[in-house]
Amino acid sequence: MKELDYGKIGMRIRQVRKAKDWSQDELAKKCGISMSFLGHIERGTRIMSLETFVNICTALEADADELLWGVAHASEAVLDLWNRPAGKEDRALAQPAQKDSYSMYVRIMKSVAEIMNEA
């Protein structure tokens, strides 16, 4: 069984938060925790409850595997974009919601790659 590395989990949470351009205060409020506690979580100096972890995943719209182990799963919007028949990609990219989802996914994947390179 893998051992949890709370420092890396916190770093992943921070990177996803920053990819969304959120402050610690914004995420803390969305999760119902103090900004100070979120800072400890991001530094890996405090262990959060399962309830807090679920709230963070929900607020960030992040998969638990992504935050725990650095394993990202493509969102349905991104998978739909990649699986479209040839010629429809341009129309899909023109839709703002899908374009934003794709951009977010790319930023998250770059952050995860940086984490993996540091390990």
N, C-alpha and C. Protein backbone atom coordinates (compact mmCIF):
# COMPACT_ATOMS: atom_id res chain seq x y z
N MET A 1 0.84 -1.19 0.00
CA MET A 1 0.00 0.00 0.00
C MET A 1 0.88 1.25 0.00
N LYS A 2 0.54 2.21 -0.85
CA LYS A 2 1.30 3.45 -0.92
C LYS A 2 1.09 4.27 0.35
N GLU A 3 2.14 4.95 0.76
CA GLU A 3 2.06 5.86 1.89
C GLU A 3 1.75 7.26 1.38
N LEU A 4 0.83 7.95 2.05
CA LEU A 4 0.48 9.30 1.64
C LEU A 4 1.60 10.26 1.96
N ASP A 5 1.91 11.13 1.02
CA ASP A 5 2.89 12.19 1.21
C ASP A 5 2.12 13.50 1.28
N TYR A 6 1.88 13.97 2.51
CA TYR A 6 1.04 15.14 2.71
C TYR A 6 1.66 16.41 2.12
N GLY A 7 2.97 16.47 2.05
CA GLY A 7 3.62 17.61 1.41
C GLY A 7 3.29 17.68 -0.07
N LYS A 8 3.34 16.53 -0.76
CA LYS A 8 3.01 16.49 -2.19
C LYS A 8 1.52 16.73 -2.42
N ILE A 9 0.68 16.19 -1.54
CA ILE A 9 -0.76 16.42 -1.66
C ILE A 9 -1.03 17.92 -1.55
N GLY A 10 -0.43 18.55 -0.57
CA GLY A 10 -0.60 19.98 -0.39
C GLY A 10 -0.10 20.78 -1.58
N MET A 11 1.02 20.35 -2.14
CA MET A 11 1.58 21.03 -3.31
C MET A 11 0.62 20.91 -4.50
N ARG A 12 0.01 19.74 -4.66
CA ARG A 12 -0.94 19.54 -5.76
C ARG A 12 -2.18 20.41 -5.55
N ILE A 13 -2.66 20.48 -4.32
CA ILE A 13 -3.81 21.33 -4.02
C ILE A 13 -3.47 22.77 -4.37
N ARG A 14 -2.29 23.23 -3.96
CA ARG A 14 -1.87 24.61 -4.25
C ARG A 14 -1.81 24.85 -5.75
N GLN A 15 -1.25 23.91 -6.51
CA GLN A 15 -1.12 24.10 -7.95
C GLN A 15 -2.47 24.15 -8.65
N VAL A 16 -3.41 23.31 -8.23
CA VAL A 16 -4.74 23.35 -8.84
C VAL A 16 -5.43 24.66 -8.46
N ARG A 17 -5.28 25.07 -7.20
CA ARG A 17 -5.87 26.35 -6.76
C ARG A 17 -5.32 27.50 -7.58
N LYS A 18 -4.00 27.53 -7.76
CA LYS A 18 -3.38 28.61 -8.53
C LYS A 18 -3.77 28.55 -10.00
N ALA A 19 -3.97 27.35 -10.54
CA ALA A 19 -4.41 27.22 -11.93
C ALA A 19 -5.79 27.85 -12.12
N LYS A 20 -6.57 27.88 -11.06
CA LYS A 20 -7.89 28.51 -11.10
C LYS A 20 -7.81 30.00 -10.75
N ASP A 21 -6.60 30.48 -10.45
CA ASP A 21 -6.39 31.88 -10.04
C ASP A 21 -7.18 32.24 -8.78
N TRP A 22 -7.23 31.30 -7.84
CA TRP A 22 -7.90 31.53 -6.57
C TRP A 22 -6.87 31.82 -5.49
N SER A 23 -7.24 32.67 -4.56
CA SER A 23 -6.39 32.91 -3.39
C SER A 23 -6.66 31.78 -2.38
N GLN A 24 -5.79 31.68 -1.39
CA GLN A 24 -6.04 30.72 -0.32
C GLN A 24 -7.35 31.04 0.38
N ASP A 25 -7.62 32.32 0.57
CA ASP A 25 -8.84 32.74 1.25
C ASP A 25 -10.08 32.27 0.48
N GLU A 26 -10.06 32.40 -0.85
CA GLU A 26 -11.21 31.97 -1.66
C GLU A 26 -11.47 30.48 -1.49
N LEU A 27 -10.42 29.67 -1.61
CA LEU A 27 -10.60 28.22 -1.48
C LEU A 27 -11.02 27.86 -0.07
N ALA A 28 -10.40 28.47 0.92
CA ALA A 28 -10.75 28.17 2.32
C ALA A 28 -12.23 28.44 2.58
N LYS A 29 -12.73 29.57 2.08
CA LYS A 29 -14.15 29.90 2.28
C LYS A 29 -15.04 28.87 1.60
N LYS A 30 -14.67 28.44 0.39
CA LYS A 30 -15.48 27.45 -0.33
C LYS A 30 -15.51 26.11 0.40
N CYS A 31 -14.45 25.84 1.18
CA CYS A 31 -14.34 24.56 1.88
C CYS A 31 -14.79 24.63 3.33
N GLY A 32 -15.06 25.83 3.82
CA GLY A 32 -15.50 25.98 5.20
C GLY A 32 -14.39 25.78 6.22
N ILE A 33 -13.17 26.15 5.83
CA ILE A 33 -12.02 26.06 6.75
C ILE A 33 -11.33 27.41 6.80
N SER A 34 -10.44 27.56 7.76
CA SER A 34 -9.72 28.83 7.86
C SER A 34 -8.59 28.88 6.82
N MET A 35 -8.22 30.10 6.46
CA MET A 35 -7.11 30.29 5.53
C MET A 35 -5.82 29.74 6.14
N SER A 36 -5.67 29.89 7.45
CA SER A 36 -4.48 29.38 8.14
C SER A 36 -4.39 27.86 8.01
N PHE A 37 -5.52 27.18 8.22
CA PHE A 37 -5.52 25.72 8.11
C PHE A 37 -5.21 25.29 6.68
N LEU A 38 -5.79 26.00 5.69
CA LEU A 38 -5.50 25.67 4.30
C LEU A 38 -4.01 25.84 4.02
N GLY A 39 -3.40 26.88 4.57
CA GLY A 39 -1.96 27.08 4.41
C GLY A 39 -1.17 25.90 4.95
N HIS A 40 -1.59 25.39 6.10
CA HIS A 40 -0.93 24.21 6.68
C HIS A 40 -1.11 22.99 5.78
N ILE A 41 -2.32 22.83 5.24
CA ILE A 41 -2.58 21.70 4.34
C ILE A 41 -1.68 21.79 3.11
N GLU A 42 -1.59 22.97 2.53
CA GLU A 42 -0.77 23.14 1.32
C GLU A 42 0.71 22.93 1.60
N ARG A 43 1.16 23.22 2.81
CA ARG A 43 2.57 22.99 3.18
C ARG A 43 2.81 21.56 3.67
N GLY A 44 1.72 20.83 3.92
CA GLY A 44 1.85 19.45 4.40
C GLY A 44 2.18 19.36 5.87
N THR A 45 1.93 20.43 6.63
CA THR A 45 2.27 20.44 8.05
C THR A 45 1.10 20.04 8.94
N ARG A 46 -0.10 19.93 8.37
CA ARG A 46 -1.28 19.47 9.10
C ARG A 46 -2.00 18.46 8.25
N ILE A 47 -2.61 17.48 8.89
CA ILE A 47 -3.37 16.45 8.19
C ILE A 47 -4.85 16.82 8.26
N MET A 48 -5.50 16.83 7.11
CA MET A 48 -6.92 17.18 7.05
C MET A 48 -7.78 15.95 7.24
N SER A 49 -9.03 16.18 7.63
CA SER A 49 -9.99 15.09 7.74
C SER A 49 -10.45 14.68 6.34
N LEU A 50 -11.06 13.52 6.26
CA LEU A 50 -11.60 13.06 4.98
C LEU A 50 -12.67 14.03 4.49
N GLU A 51 -13.49 14.56 5.39
CA GLU A 51 -14.52 15.52 5.02
C GLU A 51 -13.91 16.78 4.40
N THR A 52 -12.84 17.28 4.99
CA THR A 52 -12.16 18.46 4.44
C THR A 52 -11.56 18.14 3.08
N PHE A 53 -10.97 16.96 2.93
CA PHE A 53 -10.39 16.56 1.65
C PHE A 53 -11.48 16.51 0.57
N VAL A 54 -12.63 15.95 0.90
CA VAL A 54 -13.74 15.88 -0.06
C VAL A 54 -14.20 17.28 -0.42
N ASN A 55 -14.27 18.18 0.56
CA ASN A 55 -14.67 19.56 0.28
C ASN A 55 -13.67 20.26 -0.64
N ILE A 56 -12.39 19.99 -0.46
CA ILE A 56 -11.36 20.58 -1.32
C ILE A 56 -11.49 20.04 -2.74
N CYS A 57 -11.65 18.72 -2.87
CA CYS A 57 -11.82 18.11 -4.20
C CYS A 57 -13.04 18.70 -4.90
N THR A 58 -14.13 18.84 -4.17
CA THR A 58 -15.37 19.37 -4.74
C THR A 58 -15.18 20.82 -5.18
N ALA A 59 -14.61 21.64 -4.30
CA ALA A 59 -14.42 23.06 -4.62
C ALA A 59 -13.51 23.23 -5.83
N LEU A 60 -12.43 22.45 -5.89
CA LEU A 60 -11.48 22.56 -6.99
C LEU A 60 -11.93 21.82 -8.25
N GLU A 61 -13.01 21.05 -8.12
CA GLU A 61 -13.45 20.18 -9.21
C GLU A 61 -12.30 19.28 -9.64
N ALA A 62 -11.60 18.75 -8.64
CA ALA A 62 -10.44 17.90 -8.88
C ALA A 62 -10.74 16.47 -8.44
N ASP A 63 -10.20 15.54 -9.17
CA ASP A 63 -10.34 14.13 -8.84
C ASP A 63 -9.45 13.80 -7.63
N ALA A 64 -9.93 12.96 -6.73
CA ALA A 64 -9.15 12.59 -5.55
C ALA A 64 -7.81 11.98 -5.93
N ASP A 65 -7.79 11.13 -6.96
CA ASP A 65 -6.53 10.52 -7.41
C ASP A 65 -5.53 11.57 -7.85
N GLU A 66 -6.04 12.61 -8.48
CA GLU A 66 -5.18 13.70 -8.94
C GLU A 66 -4.48 14.35 -7.76
N LEU A 67 -5.22 14.65 -6.70
CA LEU A 67 -4.63 15.33 -5.55
C LEU A 67 -3.81 14.38 -4.67
N LEU A 68 -4.25 13.14 -4.51
CA LEU A 68 -3.53 12.20 -3.66
C LEU A 68 -2.25 11.68 -4.30
N TRP A 69 -2.35 11.29 -5.56
CA TRP A 69 -1.23 10.58 -6.20
C TRP A 69 -0.66 11.28 -7.42
N GLY A 70 -1.27 12.37 -7.87
CA GLY A 70 -0.80 13.05 -9.07
C GLY A 70 -1.26 12.39 -10.35
N VAL A 71 -2.33 11.59 -10.26
CA VAL A 71 -2.87 10.90 -11.42
C VAL A 71 -4.12 11.64 -11.85
N ALA A 72 -4.03 12.36 -12.95
CA ALA A 72 -5.16 13.16 -13.43
C ALA A 72 -6.00 12.35 -14.40
N HIS A 73 -7.30 12.57 -14.32
CA HIS A 73 -8.24 11.95 -15.25
C HIS A 73 -8.85 13.07 -16.07
N ALA A 74 -8.91 12.88 -17.38
CA ALA A 74 -9.47 13.91 -18.26
C ALA A 74 -10.95 14.10 -17.97
N SER A 75 -11.38 15.35 -17.99
CA SER A 75 -12.79 15.63 -17.78
C SER A 75 -13.58 15.17 -18.99
N GLU A 76 -14.87 14.99 -18.81
CA GLU A 76 -15.73 14.56 -19.91
C GLU A 76 -15.67 15.55 -21.08
N ALA A 77 -15.61 16.85 -20.77
CA ALA A 77 -15.57 17.85 -21.85
C ALA A 77 -14.31 17.67 -22.70
N VAL A 78 -13.19 17.40 -22.05
CA VAL A 78 -11.94 17.21 -22.80
C VAL A 78 -11.99 15.92 -23.61
N LEU A 79 -12.51 14.85 -23.01
CA LEU A 79 -12.61 13.58 -23.74
C LEU A 79 -13.55 13.73 -24.93
N ASP A 80 -14.66 14.43 -24.74
CA ASP A 80 -15.58 14.66 -25.85
C ASP A 80 -14.88 15.42 -26.98
N LEU A 81 -14.09 16.42 -26.62
CA LEU A 81 -13.37 17.22 -27.61
C LEU A 81 -12.40 16.34 -28.40
N TRP A 82 -11.67 15.47 -27.70
CA TRP A 82 -10.69 14.62 -28.38
C TRP A 82 -11.35 13.53 -29.22
N ASN A 83 -12.56 13.12 -28.87
CA ASN A 83 -13.21 12.01 -29.56
C ASN A 83 -14.16 12.45 -30.67
N ARG A 84 -14.20 13.73 -30.98
CA ARG A 84 -15.08 14.22 -32.04
C ARG A 84 -14.54 13.79 -33.41
N PRO A 85 -15.44 13.58 -34.36
CA PRO A 85 -14.99 13.28 -35.73
C PRO A 85 -14.16 14.44 -36.28
N ALA A 86 -13.26 14.13 -37.20
CA ALA A 86 -12.40 15.15 -37.80
C ALA A 86 -13.24 16.27 -38.40
N GLY A 87 -12.76 17.51 -38.23
CA GLY A 87 -13.45 18.66 -38.80
C GLY A 87 -14.35 19.38 -37.81
N LYS A 88 -14.68 18.75 -36.71
CA LYS A 88 -15.57 19.40 -35.74
C LYS A 88 -14.80 20.05 -34.59
N GLU A 89 -13.50 19.85 -34.55
CA GLU A 89 -12.71 20.42 -33.46
C GLU A 89 -12.80 21.94 -33.41
N ASP A 90 -12.78 22.57 -34.58
CA ASP A 90 -12.82 24.03 -34.63
C ASP A 90 -14.10 24.57 -34.01
N ARG A 91 -15.23 23.95 -34.31
CA ARG A 91 -16.49 24.39 -33.72
C ARG A 91 -16.48 24.16 -32.21
N ALA A 92 -15.92 23.04 -31.77
CA ALA A 92 -15.88 22.74 -30.34
C ALA A 92 -15.00 23.74 -29.61
N LEU A 93 -13.86 24.09 -30.19
CA LEU A 93 -12.98 25.05 -29.54
C LEU A 93 -13.57 26.44 -29.50
N ALA A 94 -14.49 26.72 -30.41
CA ALA A 94 -15.11 28.04 -30.43
C ALA A 94 -16.10 28.22 -29.29
N GLN A 95 -16.54 27.12 -28.68
CA GLN A 95 -17.48 27.22 -27.56
C GLN A 95 -16.69 27.55 -26.30
N PRO A 96 -16.96 28.69 -25.67
CA PRO A 96 -16.16 29.17 -24.54
C PRO A 96 -16.04 28.18 -23.39
N ALA A 97 -17.12 27.50 -23.00
CA ALA A 97 -17.06 26.60 -21.85
C ALA A 97 -16.08 25.46 -22.11
N GLN A 98 -16.14 24.89 -23.32
CA GLN A 98 -15.23 23.80 -23.63
C GLN A 98 -13.80 24.29 -23.75
N LYS A 99 -13.62 25.47 -24.31
CA LYS A 99 -12.28 26.02 -24.44
C LYS A 99 -11.68 26.27 -23.06
N ASP A 100 -12.48 26.81 -22.14
CA ASP A 100 -12.01 27.05 -20.78
C ASP A 100 -11.67 25.74 -20.08
N SER A 101 -12.50 24.69 -20.27
CA SER A 101 -12.23 23.39 -19.67
C SER A 101 -10.93 22.82 -20.20
N TYR A 102 -10.73 22.93 -21.50
CA TYR A 102 -9.51 22.41 -22.11
C TYR A 102 -8.29 23.17 -21.60
N SER A 103 -8.38 24.49 -21.51
CA SER A 103 -7.26 25.30 -21.02
C SER A 103 -6.93 24.94 -19.58
N MET A 104 -7.97 24.76 -18.76
CA MET A 104 -7.78 24.37 -17.36
C MET A 104 -7.07 23.01 -17.30
N TYR A 105 -7.54 22.08 -18.11
CA TYR A 105 -6.95 20.75 -18.12
C TYR A 105 -5.46 20.82 -18.50
N VAL A 106 -5.14 21.61 -19.50
CA VAL A 106 -3.74 21.74 -19.93
C VAL A 106 -2.89 22.32 -18.80
N ARG A 107 -3.40 23.37 -18.13
CA ARG A 107 -2.65 23.97 -17.01
C ARG A 107 -2.44 22.97 -15.88
N ILE A 108 -3.48 22.19 -15.57
CA ILE A 108 -3.37 21.19 -14.50
C ILE A 108 -2.35 20.12 -14.89
N MET A 109 -2.42 19.66 -16.13
CA MET A 109 -1.48 18.62 -16.58
C MET A 109 -0.03 19.13 -16.53
N LYS A 110 0.17 20.39 -16.89
CA LYS A 110 1.52 20.96 -16.80
C LYS A 110 1.98 21.00 -15.35
N SER A 111 1.08 21.35 -14.46
CA SER A 111 1.42 21.39 -13.02
C SER A 111 1.75 19.99 -12.51
N VAL A 112 0.96 19.02 -12.91
CA VAL A 112 1.22 17.64 -12.49
C VAL A 112 2.55 17.16 -13.04
N ALA A 113 2.86 17.50 -14.28
CA ALA A 113 4.15 17.11 -14.87
C ALA A 113 5.30 17.71 -14.09
N GLU A 114 5.14 18.97 -13.65
CA GLU A 114 6.19 19.60 -12.84
C GLU A 114 6.37 18.87 -11.52
N ILE A 115 5.26 18.47 -10.90
CA ILE A 115 5.33 17.73 -9.64
C ILE A 115 6.06 16.41 -9.85
N MET A 116 5.69 15.72 -10.92
CA MET A 116 6.31 14.42 -11.20
C MET A 116 7.81 14.56 -11.45
N ASN A 117 8.22 15.66 -12.07
CA ASN A 117 9.64 15.88 -12.35
C ASN A 117 10.41 16.19 -11.08
N GLU A 118 9.73 16.75 -10.07
CA GLU A 118 10.38 17.07 -8.81
C GLU A 118 10.56 15.85 -7.92
N ALA A 119 9.74 14.83 -8.15
CA ALA A 119 9.77 13.62 -7.29
C ALA A 119 11.03 12.83 -7.49
